[in-house]
Structure formats: structure tokens, C-alpha cells
Amino acid sequence: MYAVIDAGGKQERVSVGERVDVELLRADPGDEVSLVPLLLVDGDDVVAAPDKLASCAVVATVLGETKGPKITGFTYKSKTRQSRRYGHRQRLTTLEIKSMTGPSAKTKHSSSEKS
């Protein structure tokens, strides 16, 4: 079973027990966050209808904050001695996916049930 979630304008494919870095969330380490999936796949069953996805949820625990890779940039205008060097490092939140709840109660999975 896996789901596609939307976090910070980016889509991530997640499954139970997986750790994923998403855009910075204002949550403390140890907090549980509930994410609404865009797509939920359980074997041959695919749930993509918005009315059915409203009853689905992906529950994750916040593990902490990290920083993404350093991105450097350089701008230059010829003949004017104008140049600028800049850098950026995105702050990310690390989540561990604990459970996924589908439109029916039988599609609930958690890390304790996983063998």
C-alpha cells in the first residue's frame, strides 16, 4: 500500500514505515501530523476520486528538521563590472509515516502490523 501526498507544493510517494523529507512544517519533533493523500493504491484498488480521498488520511510523526543541499548561483552583467554570488539552503522537516487509512476501515495499515 502506498500513497501520493502533497507537502509544500511537491508530491511525494510514501508507504508505511518510510522516512521522507518535506518542506518545512511548523510542528515540533514528536508531533503527529495528518496529511491528505492525492492518490491511494492498495494492491489492485486505486483511489483517486476527491470525494473518496476526503475520508482517507496519512498519519506521520515529525522526527525533526534538516537542511537540504546547498544551492549556489551567480549573476553577471558584462561590461559593467556587476556580479553577484548567492547561496540557498532549504530547511526541511523529516517525517516518518505511521499509518494510512483508506476509504474503508479494512485498508488501515500501521507499522506495528507490518511484518
PDB file of N, CA and C in Angstrom:
ATOM      1  N   MET A   1       0.848  -1.174   0.000  1.00  0.00           N
ATOM      2  CA  MET A   1       0.000   0.000   0.000  1.00  0.00           C
ATOM      3  C   MET A   1       0.890   1.231   0.000  1.00  0.00           C
ATOM      4  N   TYR A   2       0.583   2.182  -0.878  1.00  0.00           N
ATOM      5  CA  TYR A   2       1.313   3.439  -0.893  1.00  0.00           C
ATOM      6  C   TYR A   2       0.359   4.567  -1.237  1.00  0.00           C
ATOM      7  N   ALA A   3       0.825   5.776  -0.965  1.00  0.00           N
ATOM      8  CA  ALA A   3       0.021   6.959  -1.228  1.00  0.00           C
ATOM      9  C   ALA A   3       0.918   8.041  -1.807  1.00  0.00           C
ATOM     10  N   VAL A   4       0.305   8.954  -2.529  1.00  0.00           N
ATOM     11  CA  VAL A   4       0.986  10.146  -3.021  1.00  0.00           C
ATOM     12  C   VAL A   4       0.414  11.314  -2.234  1.00  0.00           C
ATOM     13  N   ILE A   5       1.305  12.032  -1.516  1.00  0.00           N
ATOM     14  CA  ILE A   5       0.860  13.156  -0.701  1.00  0.00           C
ATOM     15  C   ILE A   5       1.389  14.450  -1.289  1.00  0.00           C
ATOM     16  N   ASP A   6       0.735  15.550  -0.919  1.00  0.00           N
ATOM     17  CA  ASP A   6       1.162  16.876  -1.339  1.00  0.00           C
ATOM     18  C   ASP A   6       1.676  17.606  -0.110  1.00  0.00           C
ATOM     19  N   ALA A   7       2.942  17.968  -0.117  1.00  0.00           N
ATOM     20  CA  ALA A   7       3.534  18.670   1.020  1.00  0.00           C
ATOM     21  C   ALA A   7       4.424  19.789   0.497  1.00  0.00           C
ATOM     22  N   GLY A   8       4.026  21.008   0.756  1.00  0.00           N
ATOM     23  CA  GLY A   8       4.830  22.144   0.340  1.00  0.00           C
ATOM     24  C   GLY A   8       4.868  22.364  -1.151  1.00  0.00           C
ATOM     25  N   GLY A   9       3.815  21.989  -1.849  1.00  0.00           N
ATOM     26  CA  GLY A   9       3.781  22.184  -3.291  1.00  0.00           C
ATOM     27  C   GLY A   9       4.473  21.083  -4.080  1.00  0.00           C
ATOM     28  N   LYS A  10       5.021  20.103  -3.391  1.00  0.00           N
ATOM     29  CA  LYS A  10       5.675  18.987  -4.064  1.00  0.00           C
ATOM     30  C   LYS A  10       4.948  17.704  -3.702  1.00  0.00           C
ATOM     31  N   GLN A  11       4.968  16.757  -4.614  1.00  0.00           N
ATOM     32  CA  GLN A  11       4.296  15.488  -4.382  1.00  0.00           C
ATOM     33  C   GLN A  11       5.329  14.424  -4.047  1.00  0.00           C
ATOM     34  N   GLU A  12       5.008  13.592  -3.062  1.00  0.00           N
ATOM     35  CA  GLU A  12       5.902  12.524  -2.612  1.00  0.00           C
ATOM     36  C   GLU A  12       5.132  11.212  -2.560  1.00  0.00           C
ATOM     37  N   ARG A  13       5.764  10.141  -3.006  1.00  0.00           N
ATOM     38  CA  ARG A  13       5.189   8.797  -2.871  1.00  0.00           C
ATOM     39  C   ARG A  13       5.701   8.218  -1.554  1.00  0.00           C
ATOM     40  N   VAL A  14       4.780   7.806  -0.688  1.00  0.00           N
ATOM     41  CA  VAL A  14       5.154   7.314   0.637  1.00  0.00           C
ATOM     42  C   VAL A  14       4.453   5.990   0.923  1.00  0.00           C
ATOM     43  N   SER A  15       5.066   5.216   1.808  1.00  0.00           N
ATOM     44  CA  SER A  15       4.451   3.987   2.311  1.00  0.00           C
ATOM     45  C   SER A  15       4.707   3.925   3.814  1.00  0.00           C
ATOM     46  N   VAL A  16       4.054   3.011   4.495  1.00  0.00           N
ATOM     47  CA  VAL A  16       4.146   2.907   5.953  1.00  0.00           C
ATOM     48  C   VAL A  16       5.563   2.521   6.356  1.00  0.00           C
ATOM     49  N   GLY A  17       6.092   3.227   7.371  1.00  0.00           N
ATOM     50  CA  GLY A  17       7.428   2.952   7.873  1.00  0.00           C
ATOM     51  C   GLY A  17       8.527   3.725   7.172  1.00  0.00           C
ATOM     52  N   GLU A  18       8.207   4.440   6.138  1.00  0.00           N
ATOM     53  CA  GLU A  18       9.197   5.182   5.351  1.00  0.00           C
ATOM     54  C   GLU A  18       9.459   6.551   5.966  1.00  0.00           C
ATOM     55  N   ARG A  19      10.698   7.025   5.831  1.00  0.00           N
ATOM     56  CA  ARG A  19      11.051   8.376   6.259  1.00  0.00           C
ATOM     57  C   ARG A  19      11.189   9.251   5.027  1.00  0.00           C
ATOM     58  N   VAL A  20      10.646  10.458   5.120  1.00  0.00           N
ATOM     59  CA  VAL A  20      10.638  11.349   3.967  1.00  0.00           C
ATOM     60  C   VAL A  20      10.896  12.781   4.431  1.00  0.00           C
ATOM     61  N   ASP A  21      11.631  13.541   3.626  1.00  0.00           N
ATOM     62  CA  ASP A  21      11.880  14.954   3.893  1.00  0.00           C
ATOM     63  C   ASP A  21      10.909  15.775   3.056  1.00  0.00           C
ATOM     64  N   VAL A  22      10.171  16.661   3.720  1.00  0.00           N
ATOM     65  CA  VAL A  22       9.212  17.536   3.036  1.00  0.00           C
ATOM     66  C   VAL A  22       9.537  18.984   3.391  1.00  0.00           C
ATOM     67  N   GLU A  23       8.874  19.918   2.721  1.00  0.00           N
ATOM     68  CA  GLU A  23       9.058  21.328   3.028  1.00  0.00           C
ATOM     69  C   GLU A  23       8.777  21.577   4.502  1.00  0.00           C
ATOM     70  N   LEU A  24       9.349  22.625   5.043  1.00  0.00           N
ATOM     71  CA  LEU A  24       9.283  22.908   6.465  1.00  0.00           C
ATOM     72  C   LEU A  24       7.842  23.024   6.957  1.00  0.00           C
ATOM     73  N   LEU A  25       7.524  22.240   7.977  1.00  0.00           N
ATOM     74  CA  LEU A  25       6.228  22.293   8.642  1.00  0.00           C
ATOM     75  C   LEU A  25       6.436  22.904  10.018  1.00  0.00           C
ATOM     76  N   ARG A  26       5.495  23.691  10.453  1.00  0.00           N
ATOM     77  CA  ARG A  26       5.583  24.294  11.785  1.00  0.00           C
ATOM     78  C   ARG A  26       5.041  23.303  12.811  1.00  0.00           C
ATOM     79  N   ALA A  27       5.857  22.311  13.116  1.00  0.00           N
ATOM     80  CA  ALA A  27       5.481  21.291  14.093  1.00  0.00           C
ATOM     81  C   ALA A  27       6.727  20.906  14.879  1.00  0.00           C
ATOM     82  N   ASP A  28       6.542  20.556  16.125  1.00  0.00           N
ATOM     83  CA  ASP A  28       7.646  20.154  16.994  1.00  0.00           C
ATOM     84  C   ASP A  28       7.959  18.674  16.792  1.00  0.00           C
ATOM     85  N   PRO A  29       9.211  18.273  17.043  1.00  0.00           N
ATOM     86  CA  PRO A  29       9.541  16.845  16.966  1.00  0.00           C
ATOM     87  C   PRO A  29       8.680  16.032  17.939  1.00  0.00           C
ATOM     88  N   GLY A  30       8.158  14.921  17.451  1.00  0.00           N
ATOM     89  CA  GLY A  30       7.280  14.073  18.247  1.00  0.00           C
ATOM     90  C   GLY A  30       5.805  14.306  17.959  1.00  0.00           C
ATOM     91  N   ASP A  31       5.466  15.424  17.325  1.00  0.00           N
ATOM     92  CA  ASP A  31       4.071  15.698  16.982  1.00  0.00           C
ATOM     93  C   ASP A  31       3.612  14.786  15.851  1.00  0.00           C
ATOM     94  N   GLU A  32       2.317  14.498  15.839  1.00  0.00           N
ATOM     95  CA  GLU A  32       1.741  13.742  14.730  1.00  0.00           C
ATOM     96  C   GLU A  32       1.017  14.704  13.807  1.00  0.00           C
ATOM     97  N   VAL A  33       1.233  14.536  12.516  1.00  0.00           N
ATOM     98  CA  VAL A  33       0.557  15.356  11.517  1.00  0.00           C
ATOM     99  C   VAL A  33      -0.252  14.437  10.617  1.00  0.00           C
ATOM    100  N   SER A  34      -1.381  14.935  10.165  1.00  0.00           N
ATOM    101  CA  SER A  34      -2.243  14.184   9.264  1.00  0.00           C
ATOM    102  C   SER A  34      -2.199  14.857   7.899  1.00  0.00           C
ATOM    103  N   LEU A  35      -1.895  14.086   6.878  1.00  0.00           N
ATOM    104  CA  LEU A  35      -1.787  14.593   5.513  1.00  0.00           C
ATOM    105  C   LEU A  35      -2.873  13.972   4.657  1.00  0.00           C
ATOM    106  N   VAL A  36      -3.463  14.755   3.787  1.00  0.00           N
ATOM    107  CA  VAL A  36      -4.493  14.248   2.887  1.00  0.00           C
ATOM    108  C   VAL A  36      -3.814  13.750   1.619  1.00  0.00           C
ATOM    109  N   PRO A  37      -4.022  12.497   1.246  1.00  0.00           N
ATOM    110  CA  PRO A  37      -3.370  11.974   0.044  1.00  0.00           C
ATOM    111  C   PRO A  37      -4.049  12.460  -1.239  1.00  0.00           C
ATOM    112  N   LEU A  38      -3.272  12.499  -2.317  1.00  0.00           N
ATOM    113  CA  LEU A  38      -3.802  12.800  -3.643  1.00  0.00           C
ATOM    114  C   LEU A  38      -4.164  11.522  -4.385  1.00  0.00           C
ATOM    115  N   LEU A  39      -3.528  10.419  -3.982  1.00  0.00           N
ATOM    116  CA  LEU A  39      -3.746   9.117  -4.607  1.00  0.00           C
ATOM    117  C   LEU A  39      -3.438   8.054  -3.569  1.00  0.00           C
ATOM    118  N   LEU A  40      -4.243   7.002  -3.542  1.00  0.00           N
ATOM    119  CA  LEU A  40      -4.034   5.913  -2.596  1.00  0.00           C
ATOM    120  C   LEU A  40      -4.142   4.597  -3.363  1.00  0.00           C
ATOM    121  N   VAL A  41      -3.095   3.770  -3.291  1.00  0.00           N
ATOM    122  CA  VAL A  41      -3.058   2.499  -4.016  1.00  0.00           C
ATOM    123  C   VAL A  41      -2.877   1.378  -3.015  1.00  0.00           C
ATOM    124  N   ASP A  42      -3.805   0.391  -3.051  1.00  0.00           N
ATOM    125  CA  ASP A  42      -3.745  -0.776  -2.181  1.00  0.00           C
ATOM    126  C   ASP A  42      -3.943  -2.001  -3.063  1.00  0.00           C
ATOM    127  N   GLY A  43      -2.831  -2.550  -3.524  1.00  0.00           N
ATOM    128  CA  GLY A  43      -2.912  -3.701  -4.430  1.00  0.00           C
ATOM    129  C   GLY A  43      -3.513  -3.289  -5.760  1.00  0.00           C
ATOM    130  N   ASP A  44      -4.679  -3.855  -6.086  1.00  0.00           N
ATOM    131  CA  ASP A  44      -5.367  -3.505  -7.330  1.00  0.00           C
ATOM    132  C   ASP A  44      -6.343  -2.352  -7.154  1.00  0.00           C
ATOM    133  N   ASP A  45      -6.600  -1.948  -5.914  1.00  0.00           N
ATOM    134  CA  ASP A  45      -7.530  -0.854  -5.647  1.00  0.00           C
ATOM    135  C   ASP A  45      -6.795   0.486  -5.722  1.00  0.00           C
ATOM    136  N   VAL A  46      -7.302   1.379  -6.567  1.00  0.00           N
ATOM    137  CA  VAL A  46      -6.732   2.721  -6.710  1.00  0.00           C
ATOM    138  C   VAL A  46      -7.821   3.728  -6.376  1.00  0.00           C
ATOM    139  N   VAL A  47      -7.546   4.595  -5.411  1.00  0.00           N
ATOM    140  CA  VAL A  47      -8.498   5.622  -5.003  1.00  0.00           C
ATOM    141  C   VAL A  47      -7.926   6.964  -5.446  1.00  0.00           C
ATOM    142  N   ALA A  48      -8.640   7.646  -6.351  1.00  0.00           N
ATOM    143  CA  ALA A  48      -8.180   8.943  -6.845  1.00  0.00           C
ATOM    144  C   ALA A  48      -9.297   9.975  -6.862  1.00  0.00           C
ATOM    145  N   ALA A  49     -10.514   9.570  -6.575  1.00  0.00           N
ATOM    146  CA  ALA A  49     -11.647  10.494  -6.592  1.00  0.00           C
ATOM    147  C   ALA A  49     -11.587  11.413  -5.368  1.00  0.00           C
ATOM    148  N   PRO A  50     -11.749  12.718  -5.552  1.00  0.00           N
ATOM    149  CA  PRO A  50     -11.650  13.644  -4.417  1.00  0.00           C
ATOM    150  C   PRO A  50     -12.653  13.380  -3.301  1.00  0.00           C
ATOM    151  N   ASP A  51     -13.862  12.927  -3.645  1.00  0.00           N
ATOM    152  CA  ASP A  51     -14.853  12.666  -2.592  1.00  0.00           C
ATOM    153  C   ASP A  51     -14.455  11.461  -1.735  1.00  0.00           C
ATOM    154  N   LYS A  52     -13.818  10.447  -2.320  1.00  0.00           N
ATOM    155  CA  LYS A  52     -13.356   9.300  -1.544  1.00  0.00           C
ATOM    156  C   LYS A  52     -12.063   9.611  -0.798  1.00  0.00           C
ATOM    157  N   LEU A  53     -11.213  10.450  -1.365  1.00  0.00           N
ATOM    158  CA  LEU A  53      -9.961  10.805  -0.703  1.00  0.00           C
ATOM    159  C   LEU A  53     -10.172  11.694   0.513  1.00  0.00           C
ATOM    160  N   ALA A  54     -11.323  12.346   0.612  1.00  0.00           N
ATOM    161  CA  ALA A  54     -11.611  13.194   1.769  1.00  0.00           C
ATOM    162  C   ALA A  54     -11.686  12.369   3.051  1.00  0.00           C
ATOM    163  N   SER A  55     -12.059  11.087   2.927  1.00  0.00           N
ATOM    164  CA  SER A  55     -12.137  10.232   4.112  1.00  0.00           C
ATOM    165  C   SER A  55     -10.828   9.475   4.373  1.00  0.00           C
ATOM    166  N   CYS A  56      -9.838   9.643   3.513  1.00  0.00           N
ATOM    167  CA  CYS A  56      -8.540   8.987   3.678  1.00  0.00           C
ATOM    168  C   CYS A  56      -7.583   9.906   4.427  1.00  0.00           C
ATOM    169  N   ALA A  57      -6.599   9.310   5.075  1.00  0.00           N
ATOM    170  CA  ALA A  57      -5.596  10.107   5.788  1.00  0.00           C
ATOM    171  C   ALA A  57      -4.282   9.341   5.850  1.00  0.00           C
ATOM    172  N   VAL A  58      -3.198  10.105   5.837  1.00  0.00           N
ATOM    173  CA  VAL A  58      -1.864   9.565   6.052  1.00  0.00           C
ATOM    174  C   VAL A  58      -1.350  10.231   7.317  1.00  0.00           C
ATOM    175  N   VAL A  59      -1.044   9.433   8.346  1.00  0.00           N
ATOM    176  CA  VAL A  59      -0.584   9.961   9.624  1.00  0.00           C
ATOM    177  C   VAL A  59       0.924   9.761   9.715  1.00  0.00           C
ATOM    178  N   ALA A  60       1.635  10.844  10.070  1.00  0.00           N
ATOM    179  CA  ALA A  60       3.089  10.807  10.163  1.00  0.00           C
ATOM    180  C   ALA A  60       3.538  11.457  11.465  1.00  0.00           C
ATOM    181  N   THR A  61       4.703  11.029  11.943  1.00  0.00           N
ATOM    182  CA  THR A  61       5.312  11.607  13.136  1.00  0.00           C
ATOM    183  C   THR A  61       6.492  12.470  12.705  1.00  0.00           C
ATOM    184  N   VAL A  62       6.596  13.665  13.282  1.00  0.00           N
ATOM    185  CA  VAL A  62       7.693  14.577  12.975  1.00  0.00           C
ATOM    186  C   VAL A  62       8.930  14.116  13.744  1.00  0.00           C
ATOM    187  N   LEU A  63      10.012  13.846  13.019  1.00  0.00           N
ATOM    188  CA  LEU A  63      11.261  13.420  13.647  1.00  0.00           C
ATOM    189  C   LEU A  63      12.184  14.593  13.933  1.00  0.00           C
ATOM    190  N   GLY A  64      12.131  15.633  13.117  1.00  0.00           N
ATOM    191  CA  GLY A  64      12.995  16.793  13.330  1.00  0.00           C
ATOM    192  C   GLY A  64      13.148  17.606  12.067  1.00  0.00           C
ATOM    193  N   GLU A  65      14.076  18.566  12.118  1.00  0.00           N
ATOM    194  CA  GLU A  65      14.345  19.425  10.967  1.00  0.00           C
ATOM    195  C   GLU A  65      15.748  19.150  10.445  1.00  0.00           C
ATOM    196  N   THR A  66      15.909  19.259   9.133  1.00  0.00           N
ATOM    197  CA  THR A  66      17.208  19.125   8.487  1.00  0.00           C
ATOM    198  C   THR A  66      17.343  20.245   7.464  1.00  0.00           C
ATOM    199  N   LYS A  67      18.470  20.282   6.801  1.00  0.00           N
ATOM    200  CA  LYS A  67      18.687  21.239   5.725  1.00  0.00           C
ATOM    201  C   LYS A  67      18.977  20.469   4.450  1.00  0.00           C
ATOM    202  N   GLY A  68      18.476  20.989   3.356  1.00  0.00           N
ATOM    203  CA  GLY A  68      18.697  20.376   2.060  1.00  0.00           C
ATOM    204  C   GLY A  68      20.074  20.710   1.516  1.00  0.00           C
ATOM    205  N   PRO A  69      20.326  20.341   0.266  1.00  0.00           N
ATOM    206  CA  PRO A  69      21.641  20.612  -0.318  1.00  0.00           C
ATOM    207  C   PRO A  69      21.846  22.104  -0.569  1.00  0.00           C
ATOM    208  N   LYS A  70      23.103  22.526  -0.534  1.00  0.00           N
ATOM    209  CA  LYS A  70      23.458  23.922  -0.782  1.00  0.00           C
ATOM    210  C   LYS A  70      23.345  24.197  -2.280  1.00  0.00           C
ATOM    211  N   ILE A  71      22.645  25.260  -2.600  1.00  0.00           N
ATOM    212  CA  ILE A  71      22.484  25.680  -3.995  1.00  0.00           C
ATOM    213  C   ILE A  71      23.169  27.026  -4.142  1.00  0.00           C
ATOM    214  N   THR A  72      24.112  27.120  -5.077  1.00  0.00           N
ATOM    215  CA  THR A  72      24.816  28.375  -5.306  1.00  0.00           C
ATOM    216  C   THR A  72      24.427  28.926  -6.662  1.00  0.00           C
ATOM    217  N   GLY A  73      24.420  30.233  -6.758  1.00  0.00           N
ATOM    218  CA  GLY A  73      24.095  30.891  -8.014  1.00  0.00           C
ATOM    219  C   GLY A  73      25.007  32.070  -8.239  1.00  0.00           C
ATOM    220  N   PHE A  74      25.096  32.496  -9.474  1.00  0.00           N
ATOM    221  CA  PHE A  74      25.970  33.603  -9.838  1.00  0.00           C
ATOM    222  C   PHE A  74      25.320  34.384 -10.975  1.00  0.00           C
ATOM    223  N   THR A  75      25.206  35.682 -10.810  1.00  0.00           N
ATOM    224  CA  THR A  75      24.714  36.532 -11.892  1.00  0.00           C
ATOM    225  C   THR A  75      25.843  37.453 -12.323  1.00  0.00           C
ATOM    226  N   TYR A  76      25.850  37.789 -13.596  1.00  0.00           N
ATOM    227  CA  TYR A  76      26.941  38.573 -14.152  1.00  0.00           C
ATOM    228  C   TYR A  76      26.413  39.410 -15.301  1.00  0.00           C
ATOM    229  N   LYS A  77      26.789  40.684 -15.310  1.00  0.00           N
ATOM    230  CA  LYS A  77      26.458  41.559 -16.438  1.00  0.00           C
ATOM    231  C   LYS A  77      27.767  42.048 -17.030  1.00  0.00           C
ATOM    232  N   SER A  78      27.929  41.779 -18.291  1.00  0.00           N
ATOM    233  CA  SER A  78      29.192  42.113 -18.931  1.00  0.00           C
ATOM    234  C   SER A  78      29.336  43.629 -19.109  1.00  0.00           C
ATOM    235  N   LYS A  79      30.559  44.078 -19.136  1.00  0.00           N
ATOM    236  CA  LYS A  79      30.955  45.468 -19.411  1.00  0.00           C
ATOM    237  C   LYS A  79      30.549  46.449 -18.319  1.00  0.00           C
ATOM    238  N   THR A  80      29.990  45.980 -17.201  1.00  0.00           N
ATOM    239  CA  THR A  80      29.567  46.902 -16.144  1.00  0.00           C
ATOM    240  C   THR A  80      30.202  46.571 -14.798  1.00  0.00           C
ATOM    241  N   ARG A  81      31.007  45.542 -14.751  1.00  0.00           N
ATOM    242  CA  ARG A  81      31.632  45.077 -13.508  1.00  0.00           C
ATOM    243  C   ARG A  81      30.588  44.761 -12.435  1.00  0.00           C
ATOM    244  N   GLN A  82      29.446  44.284 -12.869  1.00  0.00           N
ATOM    245  CA  GLN A  82      28.386  43.943 -11.935  1.00  0.00           C
ATOM    246  C   GLN A  82      28.252  42.434 -11.860  1.00  0.00           C
ATOM    247  N   SER A  83      28.454  41.879 -10.659  1.00  0.00           N
ATOM    248  CA  SER A  83      28.284  40.443 -10.457  1.00  0.00           C
ATOM    249  C   SER A  83      27.782  40.222  -9.039  1.00  0.00           C
ATOM    250  N   ARG A  84      27.123  39.108  -8.869  1.00  0.00           N
ATOM    251  CA  ARG A  84      26.554  38.781  -7.564  1.00  0.00           C
ATOM    252  C   ARG A  84      26.583  37.271  -7.386  1.00  0.00           C
ATOM    253  N   ARG A  85      27.081  36.830  -6.248  1.00  0.00           N
ATOM    254  CA  ARG A  85      27.093  35.410  -5.926  1.00  0.00           C
ATOM    255  C   ARG A  85      26.164  35.197  -4.739  1.00  0.00           C
ATOM    256  N   TYR A  86      25.334  34.175  -4.806  1.00  0.00           N
ATOM    257  CA  TYR A  86      24.380  33.917  -3.723  1.00  0.00           C
ATOM    258  C   TYR A  86      24.256  32.421  -3.491  1.00  0.00           C
ATOM    259  N   GLY A  87      23.732  32.082  -2.331  1.00  0.00           N
ATOM    260  CA  GLY A  87      23.523  30.687  -1.984  1.00  0.00           C
ATOM    261  C   GLY A  87      22.211  30.525  -1.233  1.00  0.00           C
ATOM    262  N   HIS A  88      21.720  29.291  -1.227  1.00  0.00           N
ATOM    263  CA  HIS A  88      20.468  28.997  -0.536  1.00  0.00           C
ATOM    264  C   HIS A  88      20.520  27.558  -0.039  1.00  0.00           C
ATOM    265  N   ARG A  89      19.952  27.346   1.129  1.00  0.00           N
ATOM    266  CA  ARG A  89      19.845  26.004   1.685  1.00  0.00           C
ATOM    267  C   ARG A  89      18.468  25.870   2.307  1.00  0.00           C
ATOM    268  N   GLN A  90      17.625  25.037   1.716  1.00  0.00           N
ATOM    269  CA  GLN A  90      16.236  24.885   2.134  1.00  0.00           C
ATOM    270  C   GLN A  90      16.136  24.116   3.437  1.00  0.00           C
ATOM    271  N   ARG A  91      15.288  24.591   4.340  1.00  0.00           N
ATOM    272  CA  ARG A  91      15.014  23.869   5.579  1.00  0.00           C
ATOM    273  C   ARG A  91      13.908  22.854   5.320  1.00  0.00           C
ATOM    274  N   LEU A  92      14.096  21.638   5.811  1.00  0.00           N
ATOM    275  CA  LEU A  92      13.172  20.536   5.577  1.00  0.00           C
ATOM    276  C   LEU A  92      12.733  19.924   6.898  1.00  0.00           C
ATOM    277  N   THR A  93      11.578  19.282   6.884  1.00  0.00           N
ATOM    278  CA  THR A  93      11.075  18.533   8.030  1.00  0.00           C
ATOM    279  C   THR A  93      11.125  17.049   7.686  1.00  0.00           C
ATOM    280  N   THR A  94      11.670  16.246   8.584  1.00  0.00           N
ATOM    281  CA  THR A  94      11.730  14.801   8.378  1.00  0.00           C
ATOM    282  C   THR A  94      10.519  14.162   9.044  1.00  0.00           C
ATOM    283  N   LEU A  95       9.772  13.381   8.252  1.00  0.00           N
ATOM    284  CA  LEU A  95       8.580  12.704   8.735  1.00  0.00           C
ATOM    285  C   LEU A  95       8.769  11.194   8.634  1.00  0.00           C
ATOM    286  N   GLU A  96       8.175  10.463   9.573  1.00  0.00           N
ATOM    287  CA  GLU A  96       8.091   9.007   9.476  1.00  0.00           C
ATOM    288  C   GLU A  96       6.619   8.649   9.360  1.00  0.00           C
ATOM    289  N   ILE A  97       6.263   7.940   8.291  1.00  0.00           N
ATOM    290  CA  ILE A  97       4.875   7.588   8.019  1.00  0.00           C
ATOM    291  C   ILE A  97       4.480   6.446   8.951  1.00  0.00           C
ATOM    292  N   LYS A  98       3.434   6.689   9.760  1.00  0.00           N
ATOM    293  CA  LYS A  98       2.983   5.703  10.741  1.00  0.00           C
ATOM    294  C   LYS A  98       1.827   4.853  10.238  1.00  0.00           C
ATOM    295  N   SER A  99       0.831   5.480   9.605  1.00  0.00           N
ATOM    296  CA  SER A  99      -0.324   4.707   9.155  1.00  0.00           C
ATOM    297  C   SER A  99      -1.005   5.404   7.991  1.00  0.00           C
ATOM    298  N   MET A 100      -1.757   4.600   7.258  1.00  0.00           N
ATOM    299  CA  MET A 100      -2.578   5.095   6.145  1.00  0.00           C
ATOM    300  C   MET A 100      -3.976   4.534   6.318  1.00  0.00           C
ATOM    301  N   THR A 101      -4.963   5.395   6.198  1.00  0.00           N
ATOM    302  CA  THR A 101      -6.346   4.979   6.326  1.00  0.00           C
ATOM    303  C   THR A 101      -7.035   5.201   4.990  1.00  0.00           C
ATOM    304  N   GLY A 102      -7.621   4.146   4.450  1.00  0.00           N
ATOM    305  CA  GLY A 102      -8.319   4.233   3.183  1.00  0.00           C
ATOM    306  C   GLY A 102      -9.779   4.574   3.374  1.00  0.00           C
ATOM    307  N   PRO A 103     -10.557   4.570   2.279  1.00  0.00           N
ATOM    308  CA  PRO A 103     -11.971   4.910   2.388  1.00  0.00           C
ATOM    309  C   PRO A 103     -12.774   3.886   3.175  1.00  0.00           C
ATOM    310  N   SER A 104     -12.270   2.649   3.274  1.00  0.00           N
ATOM    311  CA  SER A 104     -12.944   1.653   4.105  1.00  0.00           C
ATOM    312  C   SER A 104     -12.010   1.288   5.249  1.00  0.00           C
ATOM    313  N   ALA A 105     -12.543   0.809   6.346  1.00  0.00           N
ATOM    314  CA  ALA A 105     -11.747   0.513   7.537  1.00  0.00           C
ATOM    315  C   ALA A 105     -10.777  -0.638   7.318  1.00  0.00           C
ATOM    316  N   LYS A 106     -11.020  -1.488   6.317  1.00  0.00           N
ATOM    317  CA  LYS A 106     -10.153  -2.647   6.134  1.00  0.00           C
ATOM    318  C   LYS A 106      -8.806  -2.297   5.511  1.00  0.00           C
ATOM    319  N   THR A 107      -8.641  -1.082   4.990  1.00  0.00           N
ATOM    320  CA  THR A 107      -7.374  -0.711   4.364  1.00  0.00           C
ATOM    321  C   THR A 107      -6.476   0.079   5.303  1.00  0.00           C
ATOM    322  N   LYS A 108      -6.662  -0.088   6.607  1.00  0.00           N
ATOM    323  CA  LYS A 108      -5.812   0.612   7.569  1.00  0.00           C
ATOM    324  C   LYS A 108      -4.595  -0.239   7.866  1.00  0.00           C
ATOM    325  N   HIS A 109      -3.422   0.354   7.731  1.00  0.00           N
ATOM    326  CA  HIS A 109      -2.168  -0.330   7.998  1.00  0.00           C
ATOM    327  C   HIS A 109      -1.352   0.549   8.923  1.00  0.00           C
ATOM    328  N   SER A 110      -0.625  -0.066   9.822  1.00  0.00           N
ATOM    329  CA  SER A 110       0.281   0.691  10.676  1.00  0.00           C
ATOM    330  C   SER A 110       1.611  -0.052  10.731  1.00  0.00           C
ATOM    331  N   SER A 111       2.624   0.605  11.282  1.00  0.00           N
ATOM    332  CA  SER A 111       3.931  -0.010  11.334  1.00  0.00           C
ATOM    333  C   SER A 111       3.978  -1.220  12.256  1.00  0.00           C
ATOM    334  N   SER A 112       3.082  -1.298  13.247  1.00  0.00           N
ATOM    335  CA  SER A 112       3.067  -2.446  14.157  1.00  0.00           C
ATOM    336  C   SER A 112       2.490  -3.684  13.477  1.00  0.00           C
ATOM    337  N   GLU A 113       1.613  -3.486  12.480  1.00  0.00           N
ATOM    338  CA  GLU A 113       1.020  -4.618  11.780  1.00  0.00           C
ATOM    339  C   GLU A 113       1.927  -5.143  10.682  1.00  0.00           C
ATOM    340  N   LYS A 114       2.894  -4.318  10.238  1.00  0.00           N
ATOM    341  CA  LYS A 114       3.755  -4.688   9.136  1.00  0.00           C
ATOM    342  C   LYS A 114       4.713  -5.790   9.579  1.00  0.00           C
ATOM    343  N   SER A 115       4.816  -6.835   8.763  1.00  0.00           N
ATOM    344  CA  SER A 115       5.733  -7.925   9.142  1.00  0.00           C
ATOM    345  C   SER A 115       6.778  -8.165   8.111  1.00  0.00           C
TER     346      SER A 115
END
